[in-house]
Amino acid sequence: MKQVVLSSALLCLTAMPVLANPDLPDLPQFIDKMVVEHGFDQQQLEQVFAEVEVKDSILKAISRPAEKSKPWYEYRNIFLTESRISGGVDFWEQHKEALAQAEQTYGVPAEIIIAILGVETRYGGNVGGYRVIDALSTLAFRYPPRSPFFTSELEHFLILTREEEMSQLDPVGSYAGAMGLGQFMPSSYRAYAVDFDKDGHRDIWTNPTDAIGSIANYLAVHGWVPGESIVHRSAFDKTLPEGINGTDLKPSFTREELALAGFSLAELPAGNDKLSVIGLTQADGEEYWLGRQNFYAITRYNHSRMYAMAVYQLAEAIRQQLGEL
């Protein structure tokens, strides 16, 4: 009788599903989805996720209270450094053909592409230290506030690795899963990365040519206007009128509206396009700039006016230093 009971117990144990990774709740349902909707092999995915490590440092990084935002004059100093400017000049000289081709193909100036690479990863010097699958899995299954977003990005990442014949365990990126020289999330990688050197793979980790073309394509798709200027300084010494707060990114004000409000248009090229008002805090008070569509396109890469201004000013500094050589 005991033997029968023991045998029944063993049968029950062998019938129980083996979790691919007990640290990742809801993983079995995710694997089922990848199998049913995208044709992945269940056993292979279970083997992959058995190797995934949940990182407490990732959870701490994404859930820590946001630190007080730096004012512009402090934020600017992070990126407008001699080493980052000279690094951009060196990158331009090393990759001038690919940059010229990207500018011709997409209409995005070389210095803007370079500046984004400089701000994001110091021209590839710091692409992140977390395995992408660890970062995305940790946030998808252990960070409920943004689980849907990171679950979707994990789905894109697995599809991407299959499309590009990449390892699922080797790629590294930021704690949030941003990847490569230009720090693309997996969905952006699939949508906007390009095989710019035509070698059959979109590689934005080790291939600067693909990274250059991919950044240019991203900006072009997000509304970059070839040949148009980006942002212009404006004299303004009044109190901001109602409806203008200096933080809006999308161009929405006519030139007539801004002139009536007291903004100088003296440095602005002629045109009838709408503009945004960019307020930036200096040590001695606010300064104001008028942004055009191309400034807005940069903010689609990172939804921050200070980020876009850092890219613009770093680009200008790189171009100026290159011209002085």
C-alpha atoms as a PDB file:
ATOM      1  CA  MET A   1       0.000   0.000   0.000  1.00  0.00           C
ATOM      2  CA  LYS A   2       2.843   2.350   0.902  1.00  0.00           C
ATOM      3  CA  GLN A   3       4.480   1.613  -2.430  1.00  0.00           C
ATOM      4  CA  VAL A   4       1.291   2.595  -4.291  1.00  0.00           C
ATOM      5  CA  VAL A   5       1.033   5.846  -2.343  1.00  0.00           C
ATOM      6  CA  LEU A   6       4.699   6.612  -3.003  1.00  0.00           C
ATOM      7  CA  SER A   7       4.333   5.876  -6.705  1.00  0.00           C
ATOM      8  CA  SER A   8       1.295   8.144  -6.907  1.00  0.00           C
ATOM      9  CA  ALA A   9       3.221  10.923  -5.202  1.00  0.00           C
ATOM     10  CA  LEU A  10       6.106  10.561  -7.635  1.00  0.00           C
ATOM     11  CA  LEU A  11       3.706  10.705 -10.569  1.00  0.00           C
ATOM     12  CA  CYS A  12       2.232  13.927  -9.226  1.00  0.00           C
ATOM     13  CA  LEU A  13       5.682  15.438  -8.834  1.00  0.00           C
ATOM     14  CA  THR A  14       6.729  14.548 -12.358  1.00  0.00           C
ATOM     15  CA  ALA A  15       3.493  15.981 -13.710  1.00  0.00           C
ATOM     16  CA  MET A  16       4.114  19.350 -12.059  1.00  0.00           C
ATOM     17  CA  PRO A  17       5.538  21.964 -14.468  1.00  0.00           C
ATOM     18  CA  VAL A  18       9.179  22.868 -13.936  1.00  0.00           C
ATOM     19  CA  LEU A  19       9.618  26.643 -13.752  1.00  0.00           C
ATOM     20  CA  ALA A  20      12.222  27.989 -16.159  1.00  0.00           C
ATOM     21  CA  ASN A  21      13.135  30.574 -13.547  1.00  0.00           C
ATOM     22  CA  PRO A  22      11.351  30.767 -10.177  1.00  0.00           C
ATOM     23  CA  ASP A  23      12.546  34.355  -9.736  1.00  0.00           C
ATOM     24  CA  LEU A  24      10.366  35.479 -12.656  1.00  0.00           C
ATOM     25  CA  PRO A  25       6.638  35.228 -11.879  1.00  0.00           C
ATOM     26  CA  ASP A  26       4.365  35.038 -14.941  1.00  0.00           C
ATOM     27  CA  LEU A  27       7.245  33.770 -17.080  1.00  0.00           C
ATOM     28  CA  PRO A  28       5.414  30.570 -18.130  1.00  0.00           C
ATOM     29  CA  GLN A  29       2.567  32.630 -19.592  1.00  0.00           C
ATOM     30  CA  PHE A  30       5.063  34.843 -21.421  1.00  0.00           C
ATOM     31  CA  ILE A  31       6.851  31.837 -22.887  1.00  0.00           C
ATOM     32  CA  ASP A  32       3.501  30.393 -23.992  1.00  0.00           C
ATOM     33  CA  LYS A  33       2.747  33.656 -25.783  1.00  0.00           C
ATOM     34  CA  MET A  34       6.106  33.649 -27.567  1.00  0.00           C
ATOM     35  CA  VAL A  35       5.518  30.064 -28.667  1.00  0.00           C
ATOM     36  CA  VAL A  36       1.946  30.570 -29.852  1.00  0.00           C
ATOM     37  CA  GLU A  37       2.231  34.044 -31.391  1.00  0.00           C
ATOM     38  CA  HIS A  38       5.794  34.034 -32.698  1.00  0.00           C
ATOM     39  CA  GLY A  39       6.711  30.392 -33.181  1.00  0.00           C
ATOM     40  CA  PHE A  40       9.517  30.165 -30.633  1.00  0.00           C
ATOM     41  CA  ASP A  41      10.629  26.798 -29.290  1.00  0.00           C
ATOM     42  CA  GLN A  42       9.394  26.382 -25.726  1.00  0.00           C
ATOM     43  CA  GLN A  43      12.288  24.257 -24.508  1.00  0.00           C
ATOM     44  CA  GLN A  44      14.847  26.615 -25.972  1.00  0.00           C
ATOM     45  CA  LEU A  45      13.226  29.632 -24.293  1.00  0.00           C
ATOM     46  CA  GLU A  46      13.052  27.786 -20.984  1.00  0.00           C
ATOM     47  CA  GLN A  47      16.767  27.105 -21.267  1.00  0.00           C
ATOM     48  CA  VAL A  48      17.459  30.776 -21.993  1.00  0.00           C
ATOM     49  CA  PHE A  49      15.383  32.079 -19.091  1.00  0.00           C
ATOM     50  CA  ALA A  50      16.935  29.549 -16.723  1.00  0.00           C
ATOM     51  CA  GLU A  51      20.133  31.578 -17.245  1.00  0.00           C
ATOM     52  CA  VAL A  52      18.494  34.960 -16.542  1.00  0.00           C
ATOM     53  CA  GLU A  53      19.545  36.740 -13.364  1.00  0.00           C
ATOM     54  CA  VAL A  54      17.225  39.123 -11.527  1.00  0.00           C
ATOM     55  CA  LYS A  55      19.260  42.197 -10.566  1.00  0.00           C
ATOM     56  CA  ASP A  56      18.290  44.138  -7.447  1.00  0.00           C
ATOM     57  CA  SER A  57      20.468  47.003  -8.685  1.00  0.00           C
ATOM     58  CA  ILE A  58      18.163  47.364 -11.696  1.00  0.00           C
ATOM     59  CA  LEU A  59      15.070  47.541  -9.491  1.00  0.00           C
ATOM     60  CA  LYS A  60      16.763  50.102  -7.244  1.00  0.00           C
ATOM     61  CA  ALA A  61      17.864  52.189 -10.211  1.00  0.00           C
ATOM     62  CA  ILE A  62      14.411  52.404 -11.773  1.00  0.00           C
ATOM     63  CA  SER A  63      12.410  52.814  -8.565  1.00  0.00           C
ATOM     64  CA  ARG A  64      14.562  55.275  -6.654  1.00  0.00           C
ATOM     65  CA  PRO A  65      12.890  58.661  -6.162  1.00  0.00           C
ATOM     66  CA  ALA A  66      13.809  61.034  -8.937  1.00  0.00           C
ATOM     67  CA  GLU A  67      16.591  63.298  -7.806  1.00  0.00           C
ATOM     68  CA  LYS A  68      16.089  67.020  -8.009  1.00  0.00           C
ATOM     69  CA  SER A  69      16.555  68.036 -11.610  1.00  0.00           C
ATOM     70  CA  LYS A  70      19.751  69.869 -12.346  1.00  0.00           C
ATOM     71  CA  PRO A  71      19.369  73.393 -13.696  1.00  0.00           C
ATOM     72  CA  TRP A  72      20.553  73.881 -17.248  1.00  0.00           C
ATOM     73  CA  TYR A  73      23.876  75.483 -16.313  1.00  0.00           C
ATOM     74  CA  GLU A  74      24.827  72.350 -14.337  1.00  0.00           C
ATOM     75  CA  TYR A  75      23.330  69.858 -16.787  1.00  0.00           C
ATOM     76  CA  ARG A  76      25.170  71.508 -19.685  1.00  0.00           C
ATOM     77  CA  ASN A  77      28.530  71.055 -17.994  1.00  0.00           C
ATOM     78  CA  ILE A  78      28.103  67.276 -18.007  1.00  0.00           C
ATOM     79  CA  PHE A  79      28.148  67.132 -21.806  1.00  0.00           C
ATOM     80  CA  LEU A  80      29.916  70.273 -23.031  1.00  0.00           C
ATOM     81  CA  THR A  81      33.381  69.143 -22.011  1.00  0.00           C
ATOM     82  CA  GLU A  82      36.654  69.326 -23.900  1.00  0.00           C
ATOM     83  CA  SER A  83      36.993  65.543 -23.917  1.00  0.00           C
ATOM     84  CA  ARG A  84      33.517  65.047 -25.376  1.00  0.00           C
ATOM     85  CA  ILE A  85      34.071  67.756 -27.976  1.00  0.00           C
ATOM     86  CA  SER A  86      37.470  66.430 -29.040  1.00  0.00           C
ATOM     87  CA  GLY A  87      36.074  62.885 -28.975  1.00  0.00           C
ATOM     88  CA  GLY A  88      33.390  64.006 -31.410  1.00  0.00           C
ATOM     89  CA  VAL A  89      35.986  65.516 -33.728  1.00  0.00           C
ATOM     90  CA  ASP A  90      37.963  62.270 -33.650  1.00  0.00           C
ATOM     91  CA  PHE A  91      34.815  60.251 -34.378  1.00  0.00           C
ATOM     92  CA  TRP A  92      33.989  62.530 -37.326  1.00  0.00           C
ATOM     93  CA  GLU A  93      37.457  62.094 -38.811  1.00  0.00           C
ATOM     94  CA  GLN A  94      37.332  58.312 -38.373  1.00  0.00           C
ATOM     95  CA  HIS A  95      33.863  57.891 -39.903  1.00  0.00           C
ATOM     96  CA  LYS A  96      33.547  60.839 -42.277  1.00  0.00           C
ATOM     97  CA  GLU A  97      32.408  58.718 -45.242  1.00  0.00           C
ATOM     98  CA  ALA A  98      29.560  57.050 -43.365  1.00  0.00           C
ATOM     99  CA  LEU A  99      28.528  60.383 -41.848  1.00  0.00           C
ATOM    100  CA  ALA A 100      28.540  62.074 -45.263  1.00  0.00           C
ATOM    101  CA  GLN A 101      26.448  59.229 -46.677  1.00  0.00           C
ATOM    102  CA  ALA A 102      23.973  59.461 -43.814  1.00  0.00           C
ATOM    103  CA  GLU A 103      23.648  63.207 -44.301  1.00  0.00           C
ATOM    104  CA  GLN A 104      23.030  62.713 -48.011  1.00  0.00           C
ATOM    105  CA  THR A 105      20.540  59.880 -47.460  1.00  0.00           C
ATOM    106  CA  TYR A 106      18.547  61.244 -44.512  1.00  0.00           C
ATOM    107  CA  GLY A 107      19.304  64.977 -44.484  1.00  0.00           C
ATOM    108  CA  VAL A 108      20.595  64.929 -40.889  1.00  0.00           C
ATOM    109  CA  PRO A 109      23.859  66.851 -40.347  1.00  0.00           C
ATOM    110  CA  ALA A 110      26.872  64.805 -39.310  1.00  0.00           C
ATOM    111  CA  GLU A 111      27.443  66.856 -36.167  1.00  0.00           C
ATOM    112  CA  ILE A 112      23.949  66.081 -34.841  1.00  0.00           C
ATOM    113  CA  ILE A 113      24.457  62.338 -35.306  1.00  0.00           C
ATOM    114  CA  ILE A 114      27.849  62.565 -33.608  1.00  0.00           C
ATOM    115  CA  ALA A 115      26.513  64.640 -30.717  1.00  0.00           C
ATOM    116  CA  ILE A 116      23.776  62.094 -29.989  1.00  0.00           C
ATOM    117  CA  LEU A 117      26.420  59.370 -29.893  1.00  0.00           C
ATOM    118  CA  GLY A 118      28.489  61.580 -27.608  1.00  0.00           C
ATOM    119  CA  VAL A 119      25.676  62.297 -25.176  1.00  0.00           C
ATOM    120  CA  GLU A 120      24.362  58.729 -25.156  1.00  0.00           C
ATOM    121  CA  THR A 121      27.522  56.622 -24.857  1.00  0.00           C
ATOM    122  CA  ARG A 122      30.624  58.804 -25.310  1.00  0.00           C
ATOM    123  CA  TYR A 123      30.922  57.510 -28.880  1.00  0.00           C
ATOM    124  CA  GLY A 124      30.552  53.895 -27.783  1.00  0.00           C
ATOM    125  CA  GLY A 125      32.770  54.140 -24.723  1.00  0.00           C
ATOM    126  CA  ASN A 126      29.913  53.353 -22.339  1.00  0.00           C
ATOM    127  CA  VAL A 127      27.105  51.238 -23.796  1.00  0.00           C
ATOM    128  CA  GLY A 128      26.020  49.856 -20.414  1.00  0.00           C
ATOM    129  CA  GLY A 129      27.016  46.949 -18.223  1.00  0.00           C
ATOM    130  CA  TYR A 130      23.853  44.852 -17.854  1.00  0.00           C
ATOM    131  CA  ARG A 131      22.862  41.935 -20.006  1.00  0.00           C
ATOM    132  CA  VAL A 132      19.833  43.149 -21.915  1.00  0.00           C
ATOM    133  CA  ILE A 133      17.817  40.028 -21.176  1.00  0.00           C
ATOM    134  CA  ASP A 134      18.531  40.409 -17.434  1.00  0.00           C
ATOM    135  CA  ALA A 135      17.444  44.048 -17.476  1.00  0.00           C
ATOM    136  CA  LEU A 136      14.266  43.510 -19.477  1.00  0.00           C
ATOM    137  CA  SER A 137      13.269  40.331 -17.623  1.00  0.00           C
ATOM    138  CA  THR A 138      13.837  41.922 -14.220  1.00  0.00           C
ATOM    139  CA  LEU A 139      11.683  44.908 -15.126  1.00  0.00           C
ATOM    140  CA  ALA A 140       9.042  42.909 -17.011  1.00  0.00           C
ATOM    141  CA  PHE A 141       8.404  40.417 -14.219  1.00  0.00           C
ATOM    142  CA  ARG A 142       9.540  42.153 -11.057  1.00  0.00           C
ATOM    143  CA  TYR A 143       8.583  45.811 -11.554  1.00  0.00           C
ATOM    144  CA  PRO A 144       4.757  46.018 -11.754  1.00  0.00           C
ATOM    145  CA  PRO A 145       4.473  49.797 -12.385  1.00  0.00           C
ATOM    146  CA  ARG A 146       5.977  49.413 -15.867  1.00  0.00           C
ATOM    147  CA  SER A 147       5.599  45.709 -16.462  1.00  0.00           C
ATOM    148  CA  PRO A 148       3.522  46.039 -19.666  1.00  0.00           C
ATOM    149  CA  PHE A 149       6.123  48.293 -21.313  1.00  0.00           C
ATOM    150  CA  PHE A 150       9.112  46.132 -20.438  1.00  0.00           C
ATOM    151  CA  THR A 151       7.265  42.906 -21.243  1.00  0.00           C
ATOM    152  CA  SER A 152       6.646  44.319 -24.701  1.00  0.00           C
ATOM    153  CA  GLU A 153      10.303  45.311 -25.014  1.00  0.00           C
ATOM    154  CA  LEU A 154      11.375  41.813 -23.939  1.00  0.00           C
ATOM    155  CA  GLU A 155       9.112  40.388 -26.638  1.00  0.00           C
ATOM    156  CA  HIS A 156      10.739  42.699 -29.207  1.00  0.00           C
ATOM    157  CA  PHE A 157      14.202  41.757 -27.954  1.00  0.00           C
ATOM    158  CA  LEU A 158      13.645  38.042 -28.450  1.00  0.00           C
ATOM    159  CA  ILE A 159      12.246  38.609 -31.925  1.00  0.00           C
ATOM    160  CA  LEU A 160      15.162  40.923 -32.704  1.00  0.00           C
ATOM    161  CA  THR A 161      17.763  38.359 -31.680  1.00  0.00           C
ATOM    162  CA  ARG A 162      16.107  35.845 -33.975  1.00  0.00           C
ATOM    163  CA  GLU A 163      15.898  38.315 -36.866  1.00  0.00           C
ATOM    164  CA  GLU A 164      19.515  39.362 -36.536  1.00  0.00           C
ATOM    165  CA  GLU A 165      20.811  35.882 -35.590  1.00  0.00           C
ATOM    166  CA  MET A 166      22.185  37.248 -32.313  1.00  0.00           C
ATOM    167  CA  SER A 167      22.773  35.590 -28.977  1.00  0.00           C
ATOM    168  CA  GLN A 168      19.929  36.129 -26.527  1.00  0.00           C
ATOM    169  CA  LEU A 169      22.270  36.078 -23.521  1.00  0.00           C
ATOM    170  CA  ASP A 170      25.311  38.069 -24.648  1.00  0.00           C
ATOM    171  CA  PRO A 171      24.094  41.594 -25.602  1.00  0.00           C
ATOM    172  CA  VAL A 172      24.644  44.249 -22.933  1.00  0.00           C
ATOM    173  CA  GLY A 173      23.014  47.624 -22.414  1.00  0.00           C
ATOM    174  CA  SER A 174      21.660  50.023 -19.814  1.00  0.00           C
ATOM    175  CA  TYR A 175      19.721  49.034 -16.700  1.00  0.00           C
ATOM    176  CA  ALA A 176      16.544  49.745 -18.690  1.00  0.00           C
ATOM    177  CA  GLY A 177      17.557  47.620 -21.668  1.00  0.00           C
ATOM    178  CA  ALA A 178      18.720  50.386 -24.033  1.00  0.00           C
ATOM    179  CA  MET A 179      21.267  49.007 -26.462  1.00  0.00           C
ATOM    180  CA  GLY A 180      24.291  49.867 -28.505  1.00  0.00           C
ATOM    181  CA  LEU A 181      26.124  53.055 -29.427  1.00  0.00           C
ATOM    182  CA  GLY A 182      22.867  54.958 -29.821  1.00  0.00           C
ATOM    183  CA  GLN A 183      21.000  53.313 -26.919  1.00  0.00           C
ATOM    184  CA  PHE A 184      17.966  52.026 -28.813  1.00  0.00           C
ATOM    185  CA  MET A 185      15.273  50.097 -26.973  1.00  0.00           C
ATOM    186  CA  PRO A 186      14.448  46.803 -28.730  1.00  0.00           C
ATOM    187  CA  SER A 187      11.241  48.142 -30.317  1.00  0.00           C
ATOM    188  CA  SER A 188      13.149  51.144 -31.695  1.00  0.00           C
ATOM    189  CA  TYR A 189      15.938  48.866 -32.871  1.00  0.00           C
ATOM    190  CA  ARG A 190      13.470  46.786 -34.875  1.00  0.00           C
ATOM    191  CA  ALA A 191      11.651  49.825 -36.235  1.00  0.00           C
ATOM    192  CA  TYR A 192      14.470  52.258 -37.007  1.00  0.00           C
ATOM    193  CA  ALA A 193      17.881  50.543 -37.040  1.00  0.00           C
ATOM    194  CA  VAL A 194      19.303  50.121 -40.535  1.00  0.00           C
ATOM    195  CA  ASP A 195      21.938  47.941 -42.136  1.00  0.00           C
ATOM    196  CA  PHE A 196      23.807  50.993 -43.385  1.00  0.00           C
ATOM    197  CA  ASP A 197      26.908  49.140 -44.591  1.00  0.00           C
ATOM    198  CA  LYS A 198      24.839  46.451 -46.354  1.00  0.00           C
ATOM    199  CA  ASP A 199      26.544  43.480 -44.685  1.00  0.00           C
ATOM    200  CA  GLY A 200      23.260  41.697 -43.957  1.00  0.00           C
ATOM    201  CA  HIS A 201      22.966  42.648 -40.268  1.00  0.00           C
ATOM    202  CA  ARG A 202      21.858  45.688 -38.290  1.00  0.00           C
ATOM    203  CA  ASP A 203      24.585  45.938 -35.663  1.00  0.00           C
ATOM    204  CA  ILE A 204      24.519  49.054 -33.488  1.00  0.00           C
ATOM    205  CA  TRP A 205      26.879  47.614 -30.860  1.00  0.00           C
ATOM    206  CA  THR A 206      30.133  47.151 -32.750  1.00  0.00           C
ATOM    207  CA  ASN A 207      29.379  48.712 -36.135  1.00  0.00           C
ATOM    208  CA  PRO A 208      29.598  52.533 -36.063  1.00  0.00           C
ATOM    209  CA  THR A 209      28.364  52.734 -39.653  1.00  0.00           C
ATOM    210  CA  ASP A 210      25.088  51.031 -38.772  1.00  0.00           C
ATOM    211  CA  ALA A 211      24.782  53.198 -35.639  1.00  0.00           C
ATOM    212  CA  ILE A 212      25.277  56.359 -37.700  1.00  0.00           C
ATOM    213  CA  GLY A 213      22.666  55.377 -40.271  1.00  0.00           C
ATOM    214  CA  SER A 214      20.238  54.215 -37.596  1.00  0.00           C
ATOM    215  CA  ILE A 215      20.330  57.495 -35.665  1.00  0.00           C
ATOM    216  CA  ALA A 216      19.896  59.472 -38.880  1.00  0.00           C
ATOM    217  CA  ASN A 217      16.968  57.278 -39.919  1.00  0.00           C
ATOM    218  CA  TYR A 218      15.352  57.670 -36.480  1.00  0.00           C
ATOM    219  CA  LEU A 219      15.473  61.457 -36.727  1.00  0.00           C
ATOM    220  CA  ALA A 220      14.268  61.449 -40.325  1.00  0.00           C
ATOM    221  CA  VAL A 221      11.274  59.287 -39.481  1.00  0.00           C
ATOM    222  CA  HIS A 222      10.479  61.587 -36.553  1.00  0.00           C
ATOM    223  CA  GLY A 223      10.210  64.670 -38.698  1.00  0.00           C
ATOM    224  CA  TRP A 224      13.695  66.022 -39.353  1.00  0.00           C
ATOM    225  CA  VAL A 225      13.552  68.739 -42.039  1.00  0.00           C
ATOM    226  CA  PRO A 226      16.702  68.685 -44.183  1.00  0.00           C
ATOM    227  CA  GLY A 227      18.409  72.056 -44.501  1.00  0.00           C
ATOM    228  CA  GLU A 228      16.318  73.745 -41.809  1.00  0.00           C
ATOM    229  CA  SER A 229      17.850  75.276 -38.696  1.00  0.00           C
ATOM    230  CA  ILE A 230      17.222  73.870 -35.225  1.00  0.00           C
ATOM    231  CA  VAL A 231      16.903  76.460 -32.455  1.00  0.00           C
ATOM    232  CA  HIS A 232      17.645  80.164 -31.987  1.00  0.00           C
ATOM    233  CA  ARG A 233      18.376  82.375 -29.011  1.00  0.00           C
ATOM    234  CA  SER A 234      15.714  84.995 -28.227  1.00  0.00           C
ATOM    235  CA  ALA A 235      15.917  88.110 -26.110  1.00  0.00           C
ATOM    236  CA  PHE A 236      13.063  88.272 -23.606  1.00  0.00           C
ATOM    237  CA  ASP A 237      12.948  90.322 -20.419  1.00  0.00           C
ATOM    238  CA  LYS A 238       9.283  90.177 -19.453  1.00  0.00           C
ATOM    239  CA  THR A 239       7.116  87.830 -17.420  1.00  0.00           C
ATOM    240  CA  LEU A 240       5.954  84.853 -19.442  1.00  0.00           C
ATOM    241  CA  PRO A 241       2.363  85.393 -20.585  1.00  0.00           C
ATOM    242  CA  GLU A 242      -0.337  82.867 -19.856  1.00  0.00           C
ATOM    243  CA  GLY A 243      -0.060  79.845 -22.116  1.00  0.00           C
ATOM    244  CA  ILE A 244       3.710  80.054 -22.552  1.00  0.00           C
ATOM    245  CA  ASN A 245       5.729  78.228 -19.914  1.00  0.00           C
ATOM    246  CA  GLY A 246       9.034  77.485 -21.639  1.00  0.00           C
ATOM    247  CA  THR A 247       8.727  73.717 -21.230  1.00  0.00           C
ATOM    248  CA  ASP A 248       6.613  72.691 -24.221  1.00  0.00           C
ATOM    249  CA  LEU A 249       8.493  70.653 -26.806  1.00  0.00           C
ATOM    250  CA  LYS A 250       6.158  70.621 -29.803  1.00  0.00           C
ATOM    251  CA  PRO A 251       6.221  73.804 -31.910  1.00  0.00           C
ATOM    252  CA  SER A 252       2.838  75.456 -31.414  1.00  0.00           C
ATOM    253  CA  PHE A 253       3.280  79.250 -31.462  1.00  0.00           C
ATOM    254  CA  THR A 254       3.228  81.491 -34.512  1.00  0.00           C
ATOM    255  CA  ARG A 255       5.882  84.131 -34.959  1.00  0.00           C
ATOM    256  CA  GLU A 256       3.229  86.809 -34.598  1.00  0.00           C
ATOM    257  CA  GLU A 257       2.128  85.410 -31.239  1.00  0.00           C
ATOM    258  CA  LEU A 258       5.667  85.332 -29.945  1.00  0.00           C
ATOM    259  CA  ALA A 259       6.482  88.830 -31.199  1.00  0.00           C
ATOM    260  CA  LEU A 260       3.372  90.202 -29.464  1.00  0.00           C
ATOM    261  CA  ALA A 261       4.421  88.416 -26.266  1.00  0.00           C
ATOM    262  CA  GLY A 262       7.754  90.214 -26.366  1.00  0.00           C
ATOM    263  CA  PHE A 263      10.115  87.613 -27.792  1.00  0.00           C
ATOM    264  CA  SER A 264      12.787  88.853 -30.178  1.00  0.00           C
ATOM    265  CA  LEU A 265      12.784  87.121 -33.558  1.00  0.00           C
ATOM    266  CA  ALA A 266      15.980  88.829 -34.691  1.00  0.00           C
ATOM    267  CA  GLU A 267      18.081  85.649 -34.840  1.00  0.00           C
ATOM    268  CA  LEU A 268      15.344  83.580 -36.459  1.00  0.00           C
ATOM    269  CA  PRO A 269      15.413  82.877 -40.222  1.00  0.00           C
ATOM    270  CA  ALA A 270      12.418  83.964 -42.244  1.00  0.00           C
ATOM    271  CA  GLY A 271       9.572  81.481 -42.415  1.00  0.00           C
ATOM    272  CA  ASN A 272       6.025  80.774 -41.356  1.00  0.00           C
ATOM    273  CA  ASP A 273       6.583  77.611 -39.324  1.00  0.00           C
ATOM    274  CA  LYS A 274       5.432  77.329 -35.733  1.00  0.00           C
ATOM    275  CA  LEU A 275       7.888  77.476 -32.868  1.00  0.00           C
ATOM    276  CA  SER A 276       8.361  76.240 -29.323  1.00  0.00           C
ATOM    277  CA  VAL A 277       9.646  78.343 -26.436  1.00  0.00           C
ATOM    278  CA  ILE A 278      12.571  76.714 -24.644  1.00  0.00           C
ATOM    279  CA  GLY A 279      13.320  78.101 -21.190  1.00  0.00           C
ATOM    280  CA  LEU A 280      16.718  77.229 -19.689  1.00  0.00           C
ATOM    281  CA  THR A 281      17.924  78.212 -16.246  1.00  0.00           C
ATOM    282  CA  GLN A 282      21.301  79.935 -16.073  1.00  0.00           C
ATOM    283  CA  ALA A 283      23.042  80.960 -12.857  1.00  0.00           C
ATOM    284  CA  ASP A 284      21.824  84.543 -13.350  1.00  0.00           C
ATOM    285  CA  GLY A 285      18.283  83.765 -14.503  1.00  0.00           C
ATOM    286  CA  GLU A 286      16.296  82.286 -17.381  1.00  0.00           C
ATOM    287  CA  GLU A 287      17.359  82.385 -21.003  1.00  0.00           C
ATOM    288  CA  TYR A 288      14.970  81.629 -23.847  1.00  0.00           C
ATOM    289  CA  TRP A 289      15.337  79.943 -27.188  1.00  0.00           C
ATOM    290  CA  LEU A 290      12.881  79.394 -30.013  1.00  0.00           C
ATOM    291  CA  GLY A 291      12.795  75.816 -31.246  1.00  0.00           C
ATOM    292  CA  ARG A 292      11.853  74.692 -34.739  1.00  0.00           C
ATOM    293  CA  GLN A 293      10.745  71.286 -36.016  1.00  0.00           C
ATOM    294  CA  ASN A 294      14.287  69.900 -35.962  1.00  0.00           C
ATOM    295  CA  PHE A 295      14.649  70.692 -32.265  1.00  0.00           C
ATOM    296  CA  TYR A 296      11.405  68.810 -31.701  1.00  0.00           C
ATOM    297  CA  ALA A 297      12.767  65.866 -33.732  1.00  0.00           C
ATOM    298  CA  ILE A 298      15.739  65.615 -31.362  1.00  0.00           C
ATOM    299  CA  THR A 299      13.344  65.512 -28.393  1.00  0.00           C
ATOM    300  CA  ARG A 300      11.715  62.416 -29.919  1.00  0.00           C
ATOM    301  CA  TYR A 301      15.003  60.654 -29.193  1.00  0.00           C
ATOM    302  CA  ASN A 302      14.806  61.760 -25.562  1.00  0.00           C
ATOM    303  CA  HIS A 303      11.802  63.745 -24.370  1.00  0.00           C
ATOM    304  CA  SER A 304      13.797  66.484 -22.678  1.00  0.00           C
ATOM    305  CA  ARG A 305      14.459  70.035 -23.800  1.00  0.00           C
ATOM    306  CA  MET A 306      17.772  70.034 -21.903  1.00  0.00           C
ATOM    307  CA  TYR A 307      18.827  66.805 -23.651  1.00  0.00           C
ATOM    308  CA  ALA A 308      18.016  68.291 -27.054  1.00  0.00           C
ATOM    309  CA  MET A 309      19.847  71.522 -26.238  1.00  0.00           C
ATOM    310  CA  ALA A 310      22.893  69.590 -25.022  1.00  0.00           C
ATOM    311  CA  VAL A 311      22.918  67.684 -28.321  1.00  0.00           C
ATOM    312  CA  TYR A 312      22.588  70.921 -30.285  1.00  0.00           C
ATOM    313  CA  GLN A 313      25.310  72.788 -28.408  1.00  0.00           C
ATOM    314  CA  LEU A 314      27.685  69.823 -28.413  1.00  0.00           C
ATOM    315  CA  ALA A 315      27.122  69.478 -32.170  1.00  0.00           C
ATOM    316  CA  GLU A 316      27.924  73.157 -32.691  1.00  0.00           C
ATOM    317  CA  ALA A 317      31.081  72.885 -30.582  1.00  0.00           C
ATOM    318  CA  ILE A 318      32.266  69.789 -32.472  1.00  0.00           C
ATOM    319  CA  ARG A 319      31.657  71.422 -35.851  1.00  0.00           C
ATOM    320  CA  GLN A 320      33.464  74.578 -34.773  1.00  0.00           C
ATOM    321  CA  GLN A 321      36.488  72.699 -33.442  1.00  0.00           C
ATOM    322  CA  LEU A 322      36.705  70.577 -36.576  1.00  0.00           C
ATOM    323  CA  GLY A 323      36.626  73.725 -38.678  1.00  0.00           C
ATOM    324  CA  GLU A 324      39.528  75.175 -36.713  1.00  0.00           C
ATOM    325  CA  LEU A 325      41.816  72.194 -37.349  1.00  0.00           C
END
